[in-house]
Amino acid sequence: TGAIIAGGLAIGMSATEIKDLYKELGEKIFSRKASIF
C-alpha cells in the first residue's frame, strides 16, 4: 500500500488528494471477493 501512495506522490498528487481517493479505493479493492473456488 506504501507503493500506491508513493506512486501518487511521485506524479505530483498532494497528500490530501490521495487521502480523499483512498477511502473509495479501499472499498472497491477489499469489497470484491474472489469466487468461492
PDB file of all heavy atoms in Angstrom:
ATOM      1  N   THR A   1       0.835  -1.204   0.000  1.00  0.00           N
ATOM      2  CA  THR A   1       0.000   0.000   0.000  1.00  0.00           C
ATOM      3  C   THR A   1       0.869   1.253   0.000  1.00  0.00           C
ATOM      4  O   THR A   1       0.485   2.290  -0.550  1.00  0.00           O
ATOM      5  CB  THR A   1      -0.953   0.004   1.218  1.00  0.00           C
ATOM      6  OG1 THR A   1      -1.960   0.979   1.028  1.00  0.00           O
ATOM      7  CG2 THR A   1      -0.222   0.279   2.529  1.00  0.00           C
ATOM      8  N   GLY A   2       2.064   1.171   0.591  1.00  0.00           N
ATOM      9  CA  GLY A   2       3.003   2.291   0.546  1.00  0.00           C
ATOM     10  C   GLY A   2       3.462   2.593  -0.866  1.00  0.00           C
ATOM     11  O   GLY A   2       3.777   3.742  -1.189  1.00  0.00           O
ATOM     12  N   ALA A   3       3.505   1.565  -1.734  1.00  0.00           N
ATOM     13  CA  ALA A   3       3.885   1.776  -3.132  1.00  0.00           C
ATOM     14  C   ALA A   3       2.803   2.556  -3.879  1.00  0.00           C
ATOM     15  O   ALA A   3       3.119   3.390  -4.735  1.00  0.00           O
ATOM     16  CB  ALA A   3       4.135   0.430  -3.810  1.00  0.00           C
ATOM     17  N   ILE A   4       1.537   2.280  -3.570  1.00  0.00           N
ATOM     18  CA  ILE A   4       0.442   3.036  -4.190  1.00  0.00           C
ATOM     19  C   ILE A   4       0.551   4.509  -3.825  1.00  0.00           C
ATOM     20  O   ILE A   4       0.482   5.401  -4.676  1.00  0.00           O
ATOM     21  CB  ILE A   4      -0.932   2.487  -3.745  1.00  0.00           C
ATOM     22  CG1 ILE A   4      -1.110   1.027  -4.178  1.00  0.00           C
ATOM     23  CG2 ILE A   4      -2.063   3.349  -4.326  1.00  0.00           C
ATOM     24  CD1 ILE A   4      -2.398   0.391  -3.667  1.00  0.00           C
ATOM     25  N   ILE A   5       0.740   4.774  -2.537  1.00  0.00           N
ATOM     26  CA  ILE A   5       0.839   6.154  -2.058  1.00  0.00           C
ATOM     27  C   ILE A   5       2.078   6.823  -2.632  1.00  0.00           C
ATOM     28  O   ILE A   5       2.027   7.973  -3.089  1.00  0.00           O
ATOM     29  CB  ILE A   5       0.855   6.187  -0.518  1.00  0.00           C
ATOM     30  CG1 ILE A   5      -0.446   5.602   0.040  1.00  0.00           C
ATOM     31  CG2 ILE A   5       1.059   7.610  -0.013  1.00  0.00           C
ATOM     32  CD1 ILE A   5      -0.426   5.369   1.547  1.00  0.00           C
ATOM     33  N   ALA A   6       3.206   6.116  -2.621  1.00  0.00           N
ATOM     34  CA  ALA A   6       4.452   6.664  -3.161  1.00  0.00           C
ATOM     35  C   ALA A   6       4.289   7.025  -4.632  1.00  0.00           C
ATOM     36  O   ALA A   6       4.777   8.068  -5.087  1.00  0.00           O
ATOM     37  CB  ALA A   6       5.592   5.663  -2.977  1.00  0.00           C
ATOM     38  N   GLY A   7       3.598   6.177  -5.382  1.00  0.00           N
ATOM     39  CA  GLY A   7       3.374   6.456  -6.799  1.00  0.00           C
ATOM     40  C   GLY A   7       2.557   7.721  -6.996  1.00  0.00           C
ATOM     41  O   GLY A   7       2.862   8.553  -7.860  1.00  0.00           O
ATOM     42  N   GLY A   8       1.493   7.880  -6.201  1.00  0.00           N
ATOM     43  CA  GLY A   8       0.681   9.086  -6.295  1.00  0.00           C
ATOM     44  C   GLY A   8       1.480  10.332  -5.982  1.00  0.00           C
ATOM     45  O   GLY A   8       1.385  11.350  -6.683  1.00  0.00           O
ATOM     46  N   LEU A   9       2.295  10.272  -4.932  1.00  0.00           N
ATOM     47  CA  LEU A   9       3.133  11.422  -4.577  1.00  0.00           C
ATOM     48  C   LEU A   9       4.153  11.714  -5.671  1.00  0.00           C
ATOM     49  O   LEU A   9       4.417  12.879  -5.992  1.00  0.00           O
ATOM     50  CB  LEU A   9       3.860  11.150  -3.260  1.00  0.00           C
ATOM     51  CG  LEU A   9       2.993  10.995  -2.001  1.00  0.00           C
ATOM     52  CD1 LEU A   9       3.875  10.627  -0.811  1.00  0.00           C
ATOM     53  CD2 LEU A   9       2.205  12.262  -1.702  1.00  0.00           C
ATOM     54  N   ALA A  10       4.732  10.670  -6.257  1.00  0.00           N
ATOM     55  CA  ALA A  10       5.781  10.845  -7.259  1.00  0.00           C
ATOM     56  C   ALA A  10       5.276  11.499  -8.534  1.00  0.00           C
ATOM     57  O   ALA A  10       6.052  12.154  -9.252  1.00  0.00           O
ATOM     58  CB  ALA A  10       6.434   9.500  -7.579  1.00  0.00           C
ATOM     59  N   ILE A  11       3.988  11.344  -8.841  1.00  0.00           N
ATOM     60  CA  ILE A  11       3.453  12.005 -10.038  1.00  0.00           C
ATOM     61  C   ILE A  11       2.887  13.383  -9.717  1.00  0.00           C
ATOM     62  O   ILE A  11       2.267  14.020 -10.576  1.00  0.00           O
ATOM     63  CB  ILE A  11       2.387  11.138 -10.743  1.00  0.00           C
ATOM     64  CG1 ILE A  11       1.170  10.892  -9.856  1.00  0.00           C
ATOM     65  CG2 ILE A  11       2.996   9.824 -11.230  1.00  0.00           C
ATOM     66  CD1 ILE A  11       0.020  10.173 -10.580  1.00  0.00           C
ATOM     67  N   GLY A  12       3.079  13.839  -8.488  1.00  0.00           N
ATOM     68  CA  GLY A  12       2.704  15.201  -8.148  1.00  0.00           C
ATOM     69  C   GLY A  12       1.378  15.369  -7.447  1.00  0.00           C
ATOM     70  O   GLY A  12       0.926  16.502  -7.234  1.00  0.00           O
ATOM     71  N   MET A  13       0.733  14.270  -7.059  1.00  0.00           N
ATOM     72  CA  MET A  13      -0.505  14.395  -6.299  1.00  0.00           C
ATOM     73  C   MET A  13      -0.189  14.883  -4.889  1.00  0.00           C
ATOM     74  O   MET A  13       0.860  14.578  -4.329  1.00  0.00           O
ATOM     75  CB  MET A  13      -1.230  13.045  -6.219  1.00  0.00           C
ATOM     76  CG  MET A  13      -1.743  12.527  -7.555  1.00  0.00           C
ATOM     77  SD  MET A  13      -2.535  10.891  -7.415  1.00  0.00           S
ATOM     78  CE  MET A  13      -4.046  11.332  -6.532  1.00  0.00           C
ATOM     79  N   SER A  14      -1.108  15.652  -4.312  1.00  0.00           N
ATOM     80  CA  SER A  14      -0.937  16.079  -2.929  1.00  0.00           C
ATOM     81  C   SER A  14      -1.365  14.952  -2.008  1.00  0.00           C
ATOM     82  O   SER A  14      -2.128  14.059  -2.396  1.00  0.00           O
ATOM     83  CB  SER A  14      -1.769  17.326  -2.645  1.00  0.00           C
ATOM     84  OG  SER A  14      -3.162  17.012  -2.640  1.00  0.00           O
ATOM     85  N   ALA A  15      -0.889  15.010  -0.780  1.00  0.00           N
ATOM     86  CA  ALA A  15      -1.290  14.006   0.207  1.00  0.00           C
ATOM     87  C   ALA A  15      -2.799  14.054   0.430  1.00  0.00           C
ATOM     88  O   ALA A  15      -3.437  13.013   0.619  1.00  0.00           O
ATOM     89  CB  ALA A  15      -0.546  14.245   1.517  1.00  0.00           C
ATOM     90  N   THR A  16      -3.383  15.237   0.390  1.00  0.00           N
ATOM     91  CA  THR A  16      -4.828  15.379   0.580  1.00  0.00           C
ATOM     92  C   THR A  16      -5.596  14.729  -0.557  1.00  0.00           C
ATOM     93  O   THR A  16      -6.615  14.060  -0.332  1.00  0.00           O
ATOM     94  CB  THR A  16      -5.208  16.871   0.682  1.00  0.00           C
ATOM     95  OG1 THR A  16      -4.508  17.463   1.779  1.00  0.00           O
ATOM     96  CG2 THR A  16      -6.706  17.035   0.895  1.00  0.00           C
ATOM     97  N   GLU A  17      -5.126  14.892  -1.785  1.00  0.00           N
ATOM     98  CA  GLU A  17      -5.779  14.265  -2.936  1.00  0.00           C
ATOM     99  C   GLU A  17      -5.765  12.744  -2.797  1.00  0.00           C
ATOM    100  O   GLU A  17      -6.778  12.075  -3.058  1.00  0.00           O
ATOM    101  CB  GLU A  17      -5.079  14.674  -4.229  1.00  0.00           C
ATOM    102  CG  GLU A  17      -5.330  16.105  -4.651  1.00  0.00           C
ATOM    103  CD  GLU A  17      -4.495  16.520  -5.850  1.00  0.00           C
ATOM    104  OE1 GLU A  17      -3.309  16.098  -5.937  1.00  0.00           O
ATOM    105  OE2 GLU A  17      -5.016  17.264  -6.687  1.00  0.00           O
ATOM    106  N   ILE A  18      -4.630  12.198  -2.397  1.00  0.00           N
ATOM    107  CA  ILE A  18      -4.535  10.742  -2.247  1.00  0.00           C
ATOM    108  C   ILE A  18      -5.405  10.279  -1.084  1.00  0.00           C
ATOM    109  O   ILE A  18      -6.065   9.237  -1.169  1.00  0.00           O
ATOM    110  CB  ILE A  18      -3.075  10.316  -2.038  1.00  0.00           C
ATOM    111  CG1 ILE A  18      -2.208  10.772  -3.214  1.00  0.00           C
ATOM    112  CG2 ILE A  18      -2.973   8.792  -1.885  1.00  0.00           C
ATOM    113  CD1 ILE A  18      -0.725  10.553  -3.014  1.00  0.00           C
ATOM    114  N   LYS A  19      -5.435  11.040  -0.013  1.00  0.00           N
ATOM    115  CA  LYS A  19      -6.267  10.690   1.145  1.00  0.00           C
ATOM    116  C   LYS A  19      -7.739  10.629   0.753  1.00  0.00           C
ATOM    117  O   LYS A  19      -8.462   9.694   1.130  1.00  0.00           O
ATOM    118  CB  LYS A  19      -6.071  11.719   2.260  1.00  0.00           C
ATOM    119  CG  LYS A  19      -6.803  11.378   3.555  1.00  0.00           C
ATOM    120  CD  LYS A  19      -6.741  12.510   4.557  1.00  0.00           C
ATOM    121  CE  LYS A  19      -7.712  13.620   4.174  1.00  0.00           C
ATOM    122  NZ  LYS A  19      -7.838  14.653   5.241  1.00  0.00           N
ATOM    123  N   ASP A  20      -8.174  11.595  -0.021  1.00  0.00           N
ATOM    124  CA  ASP A  20      -9.572  11.632  -0.457  1.00  0.00           C
ATOM    125  C   ASP A  20      -9.905  10.456  -1.379  1.00  0.00           C
ATOM    126  O   ASP A  20     -11.026   9.949  -1.385  1.00  0.00           O
ATOM    127  CB  ASP A  20      -9.869  12.953  -1.168  1.00  0.00           C
ATOM    128  CG  ASP A  20      -9.805  14.151  -0.227  1.00  0.00           C
ATOM    129  OD1 ASP A  20      -9.873  13.939   1.004  1.00  0.00           O
ATOM    130  OD2 ASP A  20      -9.685  15.289  -0.717  1.00  0.00           O
ATOM    131  N   LEU A  21      -8.920  10.038  -2.151  1.00  0.00           N
ATOM    132  CA  LEU A  21      -9.106   8.922  -3.079  1.00  0.00           C
ATOM    133  C   LEU A  21      -9.066   7.574  -2.377  1.00  0.00           C
ATOM    134  O   LEU A  21      -9.696   6.602  -2.816  1.00  0.00           O
ATOM    135  CB  LEU A  21      -8.002   8.989  -4.145  1.00  0.00           C
ATOM    136  CG  LEU A  21      -7.961   7.921  -5.229  1.00  0.00           C
ATOM    137  CD1 LEU A  21      -9.105   8.139  -6.222  1.00  0.00           C
ATOM    138  CD2 LEU A  21      -6.623   7.968  -5.966  1.00  0.00           C
ATOM    139  N   TYR A  22      -8.362   7.518  -1.263  1.00  0.00           N
ATOM    140  CA  TYR A  22      -8.005   6.252  -0.633  1.00  0.00           C
ATOM    141  C   TYR A  22      -9.215   5.475  -0.102  1.00  0.00           C
ATOM    142  O   TYR A  22      -9.279   4.257  -0.222  1.00  0.00           O
ATOM    143  CB  TYR A  22      -7.009   6.519   0.502  1.00  0.00           C
ATOM    144  CG  TYR A  22      -6.109   5.354   0.805  1.00  0.00           C
ATOM    145  CD1 TYR A  22      -5.050   5.025  -0.036  1.00  0.00           C
ATOM    146  CD2 TYR A  22      -6.296   4.570   1.933  1.00  0.00           C
ATOM    147  CE1 TYR A  22      -4.207   3.972   0.238  1.00  0.00           C
ATOM    148  CE2 TYR A  22      -5.465   3.510   2.221  1.00  0.00           C
ATOM    149  CZ  TYR A  22      -4.424   3.218   1.366  1.00  0.00           C
ATOM    150  OH  TYR A  22      -3.600   2.158   1.627  1.00  0.00           O
ATOM    151  N   LYS A  23     -10.170   6.188   0.471  1.00  0.00           N
ATOM    152  CA  LYS A  23     -11.341   5.511   1.027  1.00  0.00           C
ATOM    153  C   LYS A  23     -12.112   4.782  -0.071  1.00  0.00           C
ATOM    154  O   LYS A  23     -12.464   3.611   0.067  1.00  0.00           O
ATOM    155  CB  LYS A  23     -12.256   6.508   1.738  1.00  0.00           C
ATOM    156  CG  LYS A  23     -13.471   5.870   2.406  1.00  0.00           C
ATOM    157  CD  LYS A  23     -14.265   6.908   3.188  1.00  0.00           C
ATOM    158  CE  LYS A  23     -15.427   6.259   3.930  1.00  0.00           C
ATOM    159  NZ  LYS A  23     -16.457   5.733   3.016  1.00  0.00           N
ATOM    160  N   GLU A  24     -12.338   5.474  -1.157  1.00  0.00           N
ATOM    161  CA  GLU A  24     -13.038   4.858  -2.289  1.00  0.00           C
ATOM    162  C   GLU A  24     -12.234   3.702  -2.855  1.00  0.00           C
ATOM    163  O   GLU A  24     -12.790   2.646  -3.190  1.00  0.00           O
ATOM    164  CB  GLU A  24     -13.275   5.922  -3.362  1.00  0.00           C
ATOM    165  CG  GLU A  24     -14.000   5.415  -4.598  1.00  0.00           C
ATOM    166  CD  GLU A  24     -14.157   6.484  -5.663  1.00  0.00           C
ATOM    167  OE1 GLU A  24     -13.768   7.643  -5.414  1.00  0.00           O
ATOM    168  OE2 GLU A  24     -14.659   6.141  -6.751  1.00  0.00           O
ATOM    169  N   LEU A  25     -10.928   3.886  -2.944  1.00  0.00           N
ATOM    170  CA  LEU A  25     -10.049   2.850  -3.470  1.00  0.00           C
ATOM    171  C   LEU A  25     -10.113   1.598  -2.602  1.00  0.00           C
ATOM    172  O   LEU A  25     -10.253   0.471  -3.101  1.00  0.00           O
ATOM    173  CB  LEU A  25      -8.618   3.388  -3.528  1.00  0.00           C
ATOM    174  CG  LEU A  25      -7.545   2.536  -4.194  1.00  0.00           C
ATOM    175  CD1 LEU A  25      -7.799   2.452  -5.684  1.00  0.00           C
ATOM    176  CD2 LEU A  25      -6.163   3.148  -3.942  1.00  0.00           C
ATOM    177  N   GLY A  26     -10.022   1.782  -1.277  1.00  0.00           N
ATOM    178  CA  GLY A  26     -10.049   0.648  -0.359  1.00  0.00           C
ATOM    179  C   GLY A  26     -11.354  -0.119  -0.416  1.00  0.00           C
ATOM    180  O   GLY A  26     -11.372  -1.353  -0.393  1.00  0.00           O
ATOM    181  N   GLU A  27     -12.462   0.610  -0.501  1.00  0.00           N
ATOM    182  CA  GLU A  27     -13.776  -0.048  -0.547  1.00  0.00           C
ATOM    183  C   GLU A  27     -13.917  -0.893  -1.804  1.00  0.00           C
ATOM    184  O   GLU A  27     -14.467  -1.989  -1.775  1.00  0.00           O
ATOM    185  CB  GLU A  27     -14.877   1.000  -0.472  1.00  0.00           C
ATOM    186  CG  GLU A  27     -15.027   1.636   0.903  1.00  0.00           C
ATOM    187  CD  GLU A  27     -16.079   2.726   0.929  1.00  0.00           C
ATOM    188  OE1 GLU A  27     -16.525   3.143  -0.155  1.00  0.00           O
ATOM    189  OE2 GLU A  27     -16.435   3.181   2.036  1.00  0.00           O
ATOM    190  N   LYS A  28     -13.408  -0.382  -2.926  1.00  0.00           N
ATOM    191  CA  LYS A  28     -13.515  -1.128  -4.181  1.00  0.00           C
ATOM    192  C   LYS A  28     -12.612  -2.357  -4.177  1.00  0.00           C
ATOM    193  O   LYS A  28     -13.000  -3.422  -4.654  1.00  0.00           O
ATOM    194  CB  LYS A  28     -13.163  -0.219  -5.357  1.00  0.00           C
ATOM    195  CG  LYS A  28     -14.214   0.842  -5.641  1.00  0.00           C
ATOM    196  CD  LYS A  28     -13.804   1.702  -6.820  1.00  0.00           C
ATOM    197  CE  LYS A  28     -14.882   2.737  -7.130  1.00  0.00           C
ATOM    198  NZ  LYS A  28     -14.500   3.607  -8.268  1.00  0.00           N
ATOM    199  N   ILE A  29     -11.405  -2.195  -3.644  1.00  0.00           N
ATOM    200  CA  ILE A  29     -10.438  -3.291  -3.683  1.00  0.00           C
ATOM    201  C   ILE A  29     -10.812  -4.420  -2.731  1.00  0.00           C
ATOM    202  O   ILE A  29     -10.786  -5.602  -3.087  1.00  0.00           O
ATOM    203  CB  ILE A  29      -9.027  -2.761  -3.346  1.00  0.00           C
ATOM    204  CG1 ILE A  29      -8.532  -1.844  -4.457  1.00  0.00           C
ATOM    205  CG2 ILE A  29      -8.051  -3.917  -3.127  1.00  0.00           C
ATOM    206  CD1 ILE A  29      -7.249  -1.124  -4.122  1.00  0.00           C
ATOM    207  N   PHE A  30     -11.197  -4.061  -1.501  1.00  0.00           N
ATOM    208  CA  PHE A  30     -11.387  -5.082  -0.474  1.00  0.00           C
ATOM    209  C   PHE A  30     -12.836  -5.534  -0.310  1.00  0.00           C
ATOM    210  O   PHE A  30     -13.133  -6.342   0.566  1.00  0.00           O
ATOM    211  CB  PHE A  30     -10.852  -4.577   0.865  1.00  0.00           C
ATOM    212  CG  PHE A  30      -9.355  -4.434   0.885  1.00  0.00           C
ATOM    213  CD1 PHE A  30      -8.759  -3.197   1.073  1.00  0.00           C
ATOM    214  CD2 PHE A  30      -8.536  -5.537   0.695  1.00  0.00           C
ATOM    215  CE1 PHE A  30      -7.383  -3.062   1.096  1.00  0.00           C
ATOM    216  CE2 PHE A  30      -7.157  -5.412   0.711  1.00  0.00           C
ATOM    217  CZ  PHE A  30      -6.579  -4.170   0.912  1.00  0.00           C
ATOM    218  N   SER A  31     -13.729  -5.047  -1.150  1.00  0.00           N
ATOM    219  CA  SER A  31     -15.119  -5.494  -1.051  1.00  0.00           C
ATOM    220  C   SER A  31     -15.463  -6.543  -2.104  1.00  0.00           C
ATOM    221  O   SER A  31     -16.504  -7.190  -2.023  1.00  0.00           O
ATOM    222  CB  SER A  31     -16.073  -4.300  -1.191  1.00  0.00           C
ATOM    223  OG  SER A  31     -15.960  -3.726  -2.480  1.00  0.00           O
ATOM    224  N   ARG A  32     -14.593  -6.697  -3.089  1.00  0.00           N
ATOM    225  CA  ARG A  32     -14.886  -7.617  -4.184  1.00  0.00           C
ATOM    226  C   ARG A  32     -14.093  -8.908  -3.999  1.00  0.00           C
ATOM    227  O   ARG A  32     -12.937  -9.010  -4.401  1.00  0.00           O
ATOM    228  CB  ARG A  32     -14.558  -6.954  -5.518  1.00  0.00           C
ATOM    229  CG  ARG A  32     -15.365  -5.676  -5.701  1.00  0.00           C
ATOM    230  CD  ARG A  32     -15.089  -4.989  -7.002  1.00  0.00           C
ATOM    231  NE  ARG A  32     -15.812  -3.731  -7.094  1.00  0.00           N
ATOM    232  CZ  ARG A  32     -15.793  -2.921  -8.147  1.00  0.00           C
ATOM    233  NH1 ARG A  32     -15.086  -3.258  -9.204  1.00  0.00           N
ATOM    234  NH2 ARG A  32     -16.466  -1.791  -8.141  1.00  0.00           N
ATOM    235  N   LYS A  33     -14.732  -9.866  -3.382  1.00  0.00           N
ATOM    236  CA  LYS A  33     -14.047 -11.118  -3.072  1.00  0.00           C
ATOM    237  C   LYS A  33     -14.035 -12.044  -4.280  1.00  0.00           C
ATOM    238  O   LYS A  33     -14.891 -11.988  -5.151  1.00  0.00           O
ATOM    239  CB  LYS A  33     -14.715 -11.798  -1.879  1.00  0.00           C
ATOM    240  CG  LYS A  33     -14.564 -10.989  -0.592  1.00  0.00           C
ATOM    241  CD  LYS A  33     -14.918 -11.801   0.630  1.00  0.00           C
ATOM    242  CE  LYS A  33     -14.604 -11.011   1.905  1.00  0.00           C
ATOM    243  NZ  LYS A  33     -14.900 -11.770   3.120  1.00  0.00           N
ATOM    244  N   ALA A  34     -13.028 -12.895  -4.302  1.00  0.00           N
ATOM    245  CA  ALA A  34     -12.920 -13.881  -5.377  1.00  0.00           C
ATOM    246  C   ALA A  34     -14.056 -14.895  -5.249  1.00  0.00           C
ATOM    247  O   ALA A  34     -14.704 -15.005  -4.207  1.00  0.00           O
ATOM    248  CB  ALA A  34     -11.564 -14.576  -5.298  1.00  0.00           C
ATOM    249  N   SER A  35     -14.279 -15.625  -6.322  1.00  0.00           N
ATOM    250  CA  SER A  35     -15.313 -16.652  -6.299  1.00  0.00           C
ATOM    251  C   SER A  35     -14.972 -17.706  -5.253  1.00  0.00           C
ATOM    252  O   SER A  35     -13.829 -17.824  -4.811  1.00  0.00           O
ATOM    253  CB  SER A  35     -15.427 -17.316  -7.678  1.00  0.00           C
ATOM    254  OG  SER A  35     -14.255 -18.053  -7.959  1.00  0.00           O
ATOM    255  N   ILE A  36     -15.972 -18.486  -4.859  1.00  0.00           N
ATOM    256  CA  ILE A  36     -15.800 -19.453  -3.780  1.00  0.00           C
ATOM    257  C   ILE A  36     -14.686 -20.449  -4.082  1.00  0.00           C
ATOM    258  O   ILE A  36     -13.953 -20.877  -3.192  1.00  0.00           O
ATOM    259  CB  ILE A  36     -17.129 -20.213  -3.508  1.00  0.00           C
ATOM    260  CG1 ILE A  36     -16.986 -21.068  -2.259  1.00  0.00           C
ATOM    261  CG2 ILE A  36     -17.547 -21.010  -4.725  1.00  0.00           C
ATOM    262  CD1 ILE A  36     -16.795 -20.298  -0.991  1.00  0.00           C
ATOM    263  N   PHE A  37     -14.486 -20.768  -5.373  1.00  0.00           N
ATOM    264  CA  PHE A  37     -13.448 -21.736  -5.722  1.00  0.00           C
ATOM    265  C   PHE A  37     -12.062 -21.078  -5.698  1.00  0.00           C
ATOM    266  O   PHE A  37     -11.097 -21.651  -5.188  1.00  0.00           O
ATOM    267  CB  PHE A  37     -13.727 -22.330  -7.106  1.00  0.00           C
ATOM    268  CG  PHE A  37     -15.014 -23.106  -7.158  1.00  0.00           C
ATOM    269  CD1 PHE A  37     -16.122 -22.585  -7.811  1.00  0.00           C
ATOM    270  CD2 PHE A  37     -15.127 -24.335  -6.533  1.00  0.00           C
ATOM    271  CE1 PHE A  37     -17.318 -23.288  -7.847  1.00  0.00           C
ATOM    272  CE2 PHE A  37     -16.311 -25.047  -6.561  1.00  0.00           C
ATOM    273  CZ  PHE A  37     -17.417 -24.523  -7.215  1.00  0.00           C
TER     274      PHE A  37
END
